[in-house]
Amino acid sequence: MSDPDPETAGETESPDVPPEAVLDELFATIESRKAELPEGSYTASLFTHEKGENAVLEKIGEESTEAILAAKDDDLDELTYESADLVYHLLVLFAMKDLDLDDLREELRDRF
């Protein structure tokens, strides 16, 4: 199991975010950390890591593997937990690449 990430543990701007807005709120928090680089922020550390983008890419690989293993083991709680970590790190990568949730929504919409 991966180390807990502060930004994925409920440290969003508003604790009363409706479920349909959680990804938007999380992405806004990621963008804020990118802009402000607050000391002690796990998210900010990803933007300034000595490995650069590779640090996030490694985390995406790690979280993908953990989600796959949880699915294989039929551990739904772990699958949900690891999938949240995977989505979080993917959103950090989107922010690094100057993409946003609208880019993802548009791509998904175009596939239907």
Protein backbone atom coordinates (compact mmCIF):
# COMPACT_ATOMS: atom_id res chain seq x y z
CA MET A 1 0.00 0.00 0.00
CA SER A 2 1.21 3.49 -0.77
CA ASP A 3 1.98 6.22 1.72
CA PRO A 4 -1.02 8.43 2.43
CA ASP A 5 -1.02 11.66 0.43
CA PRO A 6 -2.19 14.76 2.33
CA GLU A 7 -3.98 16.17 -0.70
CA THR A 8 -6.02 12.99 -1.16
CA ALA A 9 -7.01 12.77 2.49
CA GLY A 10 -9.75 15.39 2.56
CA GLU A 11 -7.53 18.48 2.50
CA THR A 12 -9.63 20.27 -0.10
CA GLU A 13 -10.78 23.85 0.21
CA SER A 14 -14.33 22.95 1.32
CA PRO A 15 -15.33 19.87 3.32
CA ASP A 16 -18.92 20.17 2.04
CA VAL A 17 -18.12 19.65 -1.64
CA PRO A 18 -20.94 17.75 -3.36
CA PRO A 19 -19.81 14.43 -4.87
CA GLU A 20 -20.26 15.66 -8.43
CA ALA A 21 -17.82 18.53 -7.76
CA VAL A 22 -15.07 16.61 -5.96
CA LEU A 23 -12.79 16.27 -8.99
CA ASP A 24 -13.15 19.96 -9.82
CA GLU A 25 -12.34 20.94 -6.24
CA LEU A 26 -9.38 18.57 -6.14
CA PHE A 27 -8.04 19.91 -9.42
CA ALA A 28 -8.45 23.50 -8.18
CA THR A 29 -6.43 22.56 -5.09
CA ILE A 30 -3.72 20.98 -7.27
CA GLU A 31 -3.55 24.11 -9.44
CA SER A 32 -3.33 26.26 -6.32
CA ARG A 33 -0.44 24.17 -4.95
CA LYS A 34 1.28 24.43 -8.35
CA ALA A 35 1.00 28.23 -8.32
CA GLU A 36 1.81 28.84 -4.67
CA LEU A 37 4.19 25.94 -3.87
CA PRO A 38 3.43 26.00 -0.13
CA GLU A 39 6.11 24.45 2.07
CA GLY A 40 5.16 21.03 3.40
CA SER A 41 2.63 20.33 0.66
CA TYR A 42 2.96 16.89 -0.94
CA THR A 43 1.41 18.22 -4.15
CA ALA A 44 3.82 21.17 -4.31
CA SER A 45 6.72 18.75 -3.81
CA LEU A 46 5.67 16.88 -6.95
CA PHE A 47 5.98 20.09 -8.97
CA THR A 48 9.46 20.78 -7.61
CA HIS A 49 10.80 17.23 -7.32
CA GLU A 50 14.40 16.70 -8.47
CA LYS A 51 13.17 13.93 -10.80
CA GLY A 52 10.76 16.39 -12.38
CA GLU A 53 7.84 14.86 -14.23
CA ASN A 54 9.31 11.37 -13.75
CA ALA A 55 8.37 11.46 -10.06
CA VAL A 56 4.68 11.74 -10.98
CA LEU A 57 4.99 9.20 -13.78
CA GLU A 58 6.50 6.72 -11.32
CA LYS A 59 3.63 7.33 -8.89
CA ILE A 60 1.10 6.74 -11.67
CA GLY A 61 2.80 3.44 -12.44
CA GLU A 62 2.87 2.46 -8.77
CA GLU A 63 -0.77 3.36 -8.15
CA SER A 64 -1.87 1.60 -11.36
CA THR A 65 -0.17 -1.59 -10.22
CA GLU A 66 -1.70 -1.33 -6.76
CA ALA A 67 -5.18 -0.82 -8.25
CA ILE A 68 -4.72 -3.82 -10.55
CA LEU A 69 -3.61 -6.03 -7.66
CA ALA A 70 -6.53 -4.90 -5.52
CA ALA A 71 -8.95 -5.71 -8.36
CA LYS A 72 -7.33 -9.12 -8.86
CA ASP A 73 -7.77 -9.82 -5.13
CA ASP A 74 -11.40 -8.60 -5.20
CA ASP A 75 -10.52 -6.09 -2.47
CA LEU A 76 -13.04 -3.37 -3.30
CA ASP A 77 -12.01 -1.05 -0.48
CA GLU A 78 -8.37 -1.19 -1.57
CA LEU A 79 -9.35 -0.83 -5.23
CA THR A 80 -11.27 2.33 -4.39
CA TYR A 81 -8.40 3.69 -2.28
CA GLU A 82 -5.73 3.00 -4.89
CA SER A 83 -7.94 4.31 -7.70
CA ALA A 84 -8.29 7.60 -5.81
CA ASP A 85 -4.48 7.80 -5.56
CA LEU A 86 -4.22 7.03 -9.28
CA VAL A 87 -6.72 9.72 -10.26
CA TYR A 88 -5.02 12.24 -7.97
CA HIS A 89 -1.59 11.64 -9.53
CA LEU A 90 -3.08 11.70 -13.03
CA LEU A 91 -4.59 15.11 -12.25
CA VAL A 92 -1.20 16.33 -11.04
CA LEU A 93 0.24 15.21 -14.39
CA PHE A 94 -2.56 17.07 -16.19
CA ALA A 95 -1.64 20.22 -14.28
CA MET A 96 2.03 19.74 -15.16
CA LYS A 97 1.10 19.50 -18.83
CA ASP A 98 -1.24 22.53 -18.62
CA LEU A 99 -4.28 20.35 -19.29
CA ASP A 100 -7.42 20.45 -17.17
CA LEU A 101 -10.60 18.53 -16.45
CA ASP A 102 -12.37 20.15 -19.39
CA ASP A 103 -9.79 18.61 -21.72
CA LEU A 104 -10.55 15.21 -20.22
CA ARG A 105 -14.31 15.77 -20.32
CA GLU A 106 -14.14 16.81 -23.97
CA GLU A 107 -12.12 13.73 -24.91
CA LEU A 108 -14.54 11.44 -23.09
CA ARG A 109 -17.57 13.19 -24.61
CA ASP A 110 -16.08 12.76 -28.10
CA ARG A 111 -15.90 9.01 -27.55
CA PHE A 112 -19.66 8.59 -27.09
